[in-house]
Amino acid sequence: MILDVLLTALSSFVIGTHAVVGKSHFKSREMPPGANLVAVAVLLALAVYLLLLWTHESPLAAQLFGLGAGLVSLWLFHRTVAASRDGALHFAFDVEHPVSLVTAGPYRLVRHPFYASYLLFWTGMAISTWSLWAIPVLLLIVGMYTLAARDEERKFSNSSMAAEYAAYRSRTGMFLPRLAGK
């Protein structure tokens, strides 16, 4: 029960941090409709995972993994915020083209460290519930962030930074770092 409380508190803190920091960090003129759908999906996913967490028995290792993944995802999120503070980034699904290419901090290793941090958090939550019902929710979340990342990559490819982005893309992974030699 103590781990259930800790996971509930941590997940609420992570989602709240994403919302509060994201609101001031991203420079979109207005919240894009797609970003609003992401926000709704996030809240629904959180509700499902917390329901599963509190209504199913989970092994200690699964809950500890969830806590660890949540903490690491929070660390990655804040490192990404620090690295992209001056990048004038937009919300997911914004129609505007990017105005800068951030390659410092976590961006040295992955092209989408915000999404990587979100996916790490959601994977940890899914595992912490130890329920098969968590899998479709996780797949929906992965699909949603993959669509957002691909949309951003398309915009880079159609911008004045297309060549620079292609070189950057060739040396970094989308959500996970590339293995040496690839």
C-alpha atoms as a PDB file:
ATOM      1  CA  MET A   1       0.000   0.000   0.000  1.00  0.00           C
ATOM      2  CA  ILE A   2       2.885   2.408   0.722  1.00  0.00           C
ATOM      3  CA  LEU A   3       4.223   1.900  -2.802  1.00  0.00           C
ATOM      4  CA  ASP A   4       0.740   2.522  -4.228  1.00  0.00           C
ATOM      5  CA  VAL A   5       0.672   5.854  -2.399  1.00  0.00           C
ATOM      6  CA  LEU A   6       4.193   6.716  -3.560  1.00  0.00           C
ATOM      7  CA  LEU A   7       3.387   5.825  -7.176  1.00  0.00           C
ATOM      8  CA  THR A   8       0.174   7.845  -7.042  1.00  0.00           C
ATOM      9  CA  ALA A   9       1.980  10.869  -5.605  1.00  0.00           C
ATOM     10  CA  LEU A  10       4.895  10.583  -8.034  1.00  0.00           C
ATOM     11  CA  SER A  11       2.672  10.147 -11.084  1.00  0.00           C
ATOM     12  CA  SER A  12       0.515  13.112 -10.084  1.00  0.00           C
ATOM     13  CA  PHE A  13       3.659  15.184  -9.529  1.00  0.00           C
ATOM     14  CA  VAL A  14       5.159  14.143 -12.890  1.00  0.00           C
ATOM     15  CA  ILE A  15       1.989  14.958 -14.852  1.00  0.00           C
ATOM     16  CA  GLY A  16       1.553  18.232 -12.950  1.00  0.00           C
ATOM     17  CA  THR A  17       5.178  19.177 -13.617  1.00  0.00           C
ATOM     18  CA  HIS A  18       4.785  18.432 -17.328  1.00  0.00           C
ATOM     19  CA  ALA A  19       1.703  20.650 -17.462  1.00  0.00           C
ATOM     20  CA  VAL A  20       3.038  23.598 -15.453  1.00  0.00           C
ATOM     21  CA  VAL A  21       6.547  23.654 -16.917  1.00  0.00           C
ATOM     22  CA  GLY A  22       5.298  22.921 -20.432  1.00  0.00           C
ATOM     23  CA  LYS A  23       2.882  25.844 -20.338  1.00  0.00           C
ATOM     24  CA  SER A  24       5.714  28.314 -19.773  1.00  0.00           C
ATOM     25  CA  HIS A  25       8.417  26.488 -21.748  1.00  0.00           C
ATOM     26  CA  PHE A  26       6.789  25.948 -25.134  1.00  0.00           C
ATOM     27  CA  LYS A  27       6.302  28.999 -27.350  1.00  0.00           C
ATOM     28  CA  SER A  28       3.215  28.159 -29.412  1.00  0.00           C
ATOM     29  CA  ARG A  29       0.866  31.059 -30.085  1.00  0.00           C
ATOM     30  CA  GLU A  30      -2.031  28.936 -28.888  1.00  0.00           C
ATOM     31  CA  MET A  31      -2.586  25.374 -27.740  1.00  0.00           C
ATOM     32  CA  PRO A  32      -2.951  23.264 -30.909  1.00  0.00           C
ATOM     33  CA  PRO A  33      -5.994  20.967 -31.083  1.00  0.00           C
ATOM     34  CA  GLY A  34      -3.685  17.934 -31.290  1.00  0.00           C
ATOM     35  CA  ALA A  35      -1.934  19.023 -28.089  1.00  0.00           C
ATOM     36  CA  ASN A  36      -5.320  19.312 -26.397  1.00  0.00           C
ATOM     37  CA  LEU A  37      -6.065  15.718 -27.445  1.00  0.00           C
ATOM     38  CA  VAL A  38      -2.717  14.654 -25.992  1.00  0.00           C
ATOM     39  CA  ALA A  39      -3.627  16.366 -22.711  1.00  0.00           C
ATOM     40  CA  VAL A  40      -6.959  14.526 -22.563  1.00  0.00           C
ATOM     41  CA  ALA A  41      -5.272  11.205 -23.407  1.00  0.00           C
ATOM     42  CA  VAL A  42      -2.682  11.796 -20.667  1.00  0.00           C
ATOM     43  CA  LEU A  43      -5.359  12.425 -18.046  1.00  0.00           C
ATOM     44  CA  LEU A  44      -7.361   9.383 -19.132  1.00  0.00           C
ATOM     45  CA  ALA A  45      -4.245   7.187 -19.159  1.00  0.00           C
ATOM     46  CA  LEU A  46      -3.316   8.395 -15.697  1.00  0.00           C
ATOM     47  CA  ALA A  47      -6.828   7.613 -14.425  1.00  0.00           C
ATOM     48  CA  VAL A  48      -6.704   4.104 -15.929  1.00  0.00           C
ATOM     49  CA  TYR A  49      -3.245   3.384 -14.518  1.00  0.00           C
ATOM     50  CA  LEU A  50      -4.145   4.628 -11.052  1.00  0.00           C
ATOM     51  CA  LEU A  51      -7.338   2.563 -11.108  1.00  0.00           C
ATOM     52  CA  LEU A  52      -5.325  -0.512 -12.116  1.00  0.00           C
ATOM     53  CA  LEU A  53      -2.665   0.266  -9.531  1.00  0.00           C
ATOM     54  CA  TRP A  54      -5.189   0.452  -6.701  1.00  0.00           C
ATOM     55  CA  THR A  55      -7.351  -2.504  -7.789  1.00  0.00           C
ATOM     56  CA  HIS A  56      -4.675  -5.085  -8.741  1.00  0.00           C
ATOM     57  CA  GLU A  57      -1.857  -6.667  -6.789  1.00  0.00           C
ATOM     58  CA  SER A  58       1.533  -5.781  -8.231  1.00  0.00           C
ATOM     59  CA  PRO A  59       4.851  -7.429  -7.445  1.00  0.00           C
ATOM     60  CA  LEU A  60       7.282  -5.353  -5.433  1.00  0.00           C
ATOM     61  CA  ALA A  61       9.784  -5.344  -8.318  1.00  0.00           C
ATOM     62  CA  ALA A  62       7.166  -3.951 -10.729  1.00  0.00           C
ATOM     63  CA  GLN A  63       6.280  -1.127  -8.370  1.00  0.00           C
ATOM     64  CA  LEU A  64       9.924  -0.324  -7.676  1.00  0.00           C
ATOM     65  CA  PHE A  65      10.569  -0.283 -11.420  1.00  0.00           C
ATOM     66  CA  GLY A  66       7.668   2.146 -11.846  1.00  0.00           C
ATOM     67  CA  LEU A  67       9.051   4.444  -9.157  1.00  0.00           C
ATOM     68  CA  GLY A  68      12.539   4.328 -10.648  1.00  0.00           C
ATOM     69  CA  ALA A  69      11.283   4.960 -14.174  1.00  0.00           C
ATOM     70  CA  GLY A  70       9.188   7.889 -12.932  1.00  0.00           C
ATOM     71  CA  LEU A  71      12.143   9.470 -11.158  1.00  0.00           C
ATOM     72  CA  VAL A  72      14.492   9.001 -14.119  1.00  0.00           C
ATOM     73  CA  SER A  73      11.853  10.383 -16.488  1.00  0.00           C
ATOM     74  CA  LEU A  74      11.458  13.448 -14.282  1.00  0.00           C
ATOM     75  CA  TRP A  75      15.241  13.956 -14.290  1.00  0.00           C
ATOM     76  CA  LEU A  76      15.356  13.596 -18.106  1.00  0.00           C
ATOM     77  CA  PHE A  77      12.435  16.010 -18.481  1.00  0.00           C
ATOM     78  CA  HIS A  78      14.174  18.702 -16.433  1.00  0.00           C
ATOM     79  CA  ARG A  79      17.518  18.170 -18.230  1.00  0.00           C
ATOM     80  CA  THR A  80      15.638  18.583 -21.519  1.00  0.00           C
ATOM     81  CA  VAL A  81      13.946  21.764 -20.321  1.00  0.00           C
ATOM     82  CA  ALA A  82      17.337  23.191 -19.332  1.00  0.00           C
ATOM     83  CA  ALA A  83      18.903  22.253 -22.683  1.00  0.00           C
ATOM     84  CA  SER A  84      16.070  23.718 -24.751  1.00  0.00           C
ATOM     85  CA  ARG A  85      15.301  26.830 -22.718  1.00  0.00           C
ATOM     86  CA  ASP A  86      16.366  29.134 -25.570  1.00  0.00           C
ATOM     87  CA  GLY A  87      15.120  26.881 -28.371  1.00  0.00           C
ATOM     88  CA  ALA A  88      11.648  28.456 -28.785  1.00  0.00           C
ATOM     89  CA  LEU A  89      10.088  24.999 -29.092  1.00  0.00           C
ATOM     90  CA  HIS A  90       6.420  24.522 -29.929  1.00  0.00           C
ATOM     91  CA  PHE A  91       3.763  22.260 -28.444  1.00  0.00           C
ATOM     92  CA  ALA A  92       3.122  18.921 -30.107  1.00  0.00           C
ATOM     93  CA  PHE A  93       1.090  19.171 -33.313  1.00  0.00           C
ATOM     94  CA  ASP A  94       1.674  22.929 -33.688  1.00  0.00           C
ATOM     95  CA  VAL A  95       1.342  23.994 -37.340  1.00  0.00           C
ATOM     96  CA  GLU A  96       4.332  26.350 -37.135  1.00  0.00           C
ATOM     97  CA  HIS A  97       7.679  25.258 -38.521  1.00  0.00           C
ATOM     98  CA  PRO A  98      10.571  24.973 -36.053  1.00  0.00           C
ATOM     99  CA  VAL A  99      12.758  28.042 -35.596  1.00  0.00           C
ATOM    100  CA  SER A 100      15.785  26.337 -34.067  1.00  0.00           C
ATOM    101  CA  LEU A 101      17.468  22.976 -33.779  1.00  0.00           C
ATOM    102  CA  VAL A 102      18.531  22.031 -30.272  1.00  0.00           C
ATOM    103  CA  THR A 103      21.413  19.536 -30.149  1.00  0.00           C
ATOM    104  CA  ALA A 104      22.774  20.072 -26.626  1.00  0.00           C
ATOM    105  CA  GLY A 105      22.075  18.171 -23.415  1.00  0.00           C
ATOM    106  CA  PRO A 106      19.848  15.109 -23.910  1.00  0.00           C
ATOM    107  CA  TYR A 107      19.398  16.171 -27.547  1.00  0.00           C
ATOM    108  CA  ARG A 108      22.971  14.975 -28.169  1.00  0.00           C
ATOM    109  CA  LEU A 109      21.685  11.414 -27.804  1.00  0.00           C
ATOM    110  CA  VAL A 110      18.034  11.492 -28.907  1.00  0.00           C
ATOM    111  CA  ARG A 111      16.023  13.759 -31.180  1.00  0.00           C
ATOM    112  CA  HIS A 112      12.945  13.788 -28.932  1.00  0.00           C
ATOM    113  CA  PRO A 113      14.032  13.700 -25.285  1.00  0.00           C
ATOM    114  CA  PHE A 114      10.751  15.203 -24.060  1.00  0.00           C
ATOM    115  CA  TYR A 115       8.843  12.315 -25.629  1.00  0.00           C
ATOM    116  CA  ALA A 116      11.496   9.868 -24.402  1.00  0.00           C
ATOM    117  CA  SER A 117      10.935  11.109 -20.845  1.00  0.00           C
ATOM    118  CA  TYR A 118       7.173  10.813 -21.231  1.00  0.00           C
ATOM    119  CA  LEU A 119       7.459   7.288 -22.672  1.00  0.00           C
ATOM    120  CA  LEU A 120       9.775   6.190 -19.872  1.00  0.00           C
ATOM    121  CA  PHE A 121       7.247   7.450 -17.328  1.00  0.00           C
ATOM    122  CA  TRP A 122       4.297   5.712 -19.016  1.00  0.00           C
ATOM    123  CA  THR A 123       6.212   2.465 -19.447  1.00  0.00           C
ATOM    124  CA  GLY A 124       7.076   2.520 -15.753  1.00  0.00           C
ATOM    125  CA  MET A 125       3.456   3.159 -14.841  1.00  0.00           C
ATOM    126  CA  ALA A 126       2.236   0.343 -17.093  1.00  0.00           C
ATOM    127  CA  ILE A 127       4.686  -2.123 -15.547  1.00  0.00           C
ATOM    128  CA  SER A 128       3.886  -0.947 -12.020  1.00  0.00           C
ATOM    129  CA  THR A 129       0.213  -1.893 -12.492  1.00  0.00           C
ATOM    130  CA  TRP A 130       1.183  -5.442 -13.508  1.00  0.00           C
ATOM    131  CA  SER A 131      -1.991  -5.678 -15.566  1.00  0.00           C
ATOM    132  CA  LEU A 132      -2.594  -6.688 -19.158  1.00  0.00           C
ATOM    133  CA  TRP A 133      -5.139  -3.845 -19.311  1.00  0.00           C
ATOM    134  CA  ALA A 134      -2.220  -1.411 -19.142  1.00  0.00           C
ATOM    135  CA  ILE A 135      -0.821  -2.607 -22.478  1.00  0.00           C
ATOM    136  CA  PRO A 136      -3.441  -1.056 -24.828  1.00  0.00           C
ATOM    137  CA  VAL A 137      -3.176   2.231 -22.946  1.00  0.00           C
ATOM    138  CA  LEU A 138       0.615   2.181 -23.280  1.00  0.00           C
ATOM    139  CA  LEU A 139       0.348   1.365 -26.995  1.00  0.00           C
ATOM    140  CA  LEU A 140      -2.000   4.329 -27.465  1.00  0.00           C
ATOM    141  CA  ILE A 141       0.462   6.622 -25.655  1.00  0.00           C
ATOM    142  CA  VAL A 142       3.425   5.309 -27.689  1.00  0.00           C
ATOM    143  CA  GLY A 143       1.451   5.804 -30.908  1.00  0.00           C
ATOM    144  CA  MET A 144       0.443   9.322 -29.949  1.00  0.00           C
ATOM    145  CA  TYR A 145       4.012  10.446 -29.163  1.00  0.00           C
ATOM    146  CA  THR A 146       5.383   8.683 -32.245  1.00  0.00           C
ATOM    147  CA  LEU A 147       2.902  10.581 -34.430  1.00  0.00           C
ATOM    148  CA  ALA A 148       3.895  13.848 -32.768  1.00  0.00           C
ATOM    149  CA  ALA A 149       7.609  13.125 -33.260  1.00  0.00           C
ATOM    150  CA  ARG A 150       7.136  12.200 -36.916  1.00  0.00           C
ATOM    151  CA  ASP A 151       5.117  15.376 -37.459  1.00  0.00           C
ATOM    152  CA  GLU A 152       7.965  17.433 -36.002  1.00  0.00           C
ATOM    153  CA  GLU A 153      10.503  15.609 -38.142  1.00  0.00           C
ATOM    154  CA  ARG A 154       8.436  16.305 -41.256  1.00  0.00           C
ATOM    155  CA  LYS A 155       8.413  19.999 -40.372  1.00  0.00           C
ATOM    156  CA  PHE A 156      12.195  20.021 -39.942  1.00  0.00           C
ATOM    157  CA  SER A 157      12.569  18.279 -43.314  1.00  0.00           C
ATOM    158  CA  ASN A 158      10.477  21.030 -44.924  1.00  0.00           C
ATOM    159  CA  SER A 159      12.301  23.899 -43.220  1.00  0.00           C
ATOM    160  CA  SER A 160      15.467  25.851 -43.954  1.00  0.00           C
ATOM    161  CA  MET A 161      17.205  23.503 -41.472  1.00  0.00           C
ATOM    162  CA  ALA A 162      16.481  20.368 -43.546  1.00  0.00           C
ATOM    163  CA  ALA A 163      20.129  19.500 -44.313  1.00  0.00           C
ATOM    164  CA  GLU A 164      21.282  20.203 -40.756  1.00  0.00           C
ATOM    165  CA  TYR A 165      18.410  18.129 -39.404  1.00  0.00           C
ATOM    166  CA  ALA A 166      19.172  15.231 -41.764  1.00  0.00           C
ATOM    167  CA  ALA A 167      22.757  15.126 -40.473  1.00  0.00           C
ATOM    168  CA  TYR A 168      21.519  15.323 -36.873  1.00  0.00           C
ATOM    169  CA  ARG A 169      18.971  12.591 -37.539  1.00  0.00           C
ATOM    170  CA  SER A 170      21.653  10.303 -38.976  1.00  0.00           C
ATOM    171  CA  ARG A 171      23.627  10.355 -35.721  1.00  0.00           C
ATOM    172  CA  THR A 172      20.850  10.289 -33.101  1.00  0.00           C
ATOM    173  CA  GLY A 173      17.968   7.964 -32.295  1.00  0.00           C
ATOM    174  CA  MET A 174      14.352   9.059 -32.149  1.00  0.00           C
ATOM    175  CA  PHE A 175      13.598   8.079 -28.536  1.00  0.00           C
ATOM    176  CA  LEU A 176      16.596   5.895 -27.653  1.00  0.00           C
ATOM    177  CA  PRO A 177      20.279   6.615 -28.296  1.00  0.00           C
ATOM    178  CA  ARG A 178      21.753   4.939 -31.358  1.00  0.00           C
ATOM    179  CA  LEU A 179      24.058   2.037 -30.692  1.00  0.00           C
ATOM    180  CA  ALA A 180      27.732   2.615 -31.528  1.00  0.00           C
ATOM    181  CA  GLY A 181      28.578   1.865 -35.125  1.00  0.00           C
ATOM    182  CA  LYS A 182      25.078   2.518 -36.462  1.00  0.00           C
END
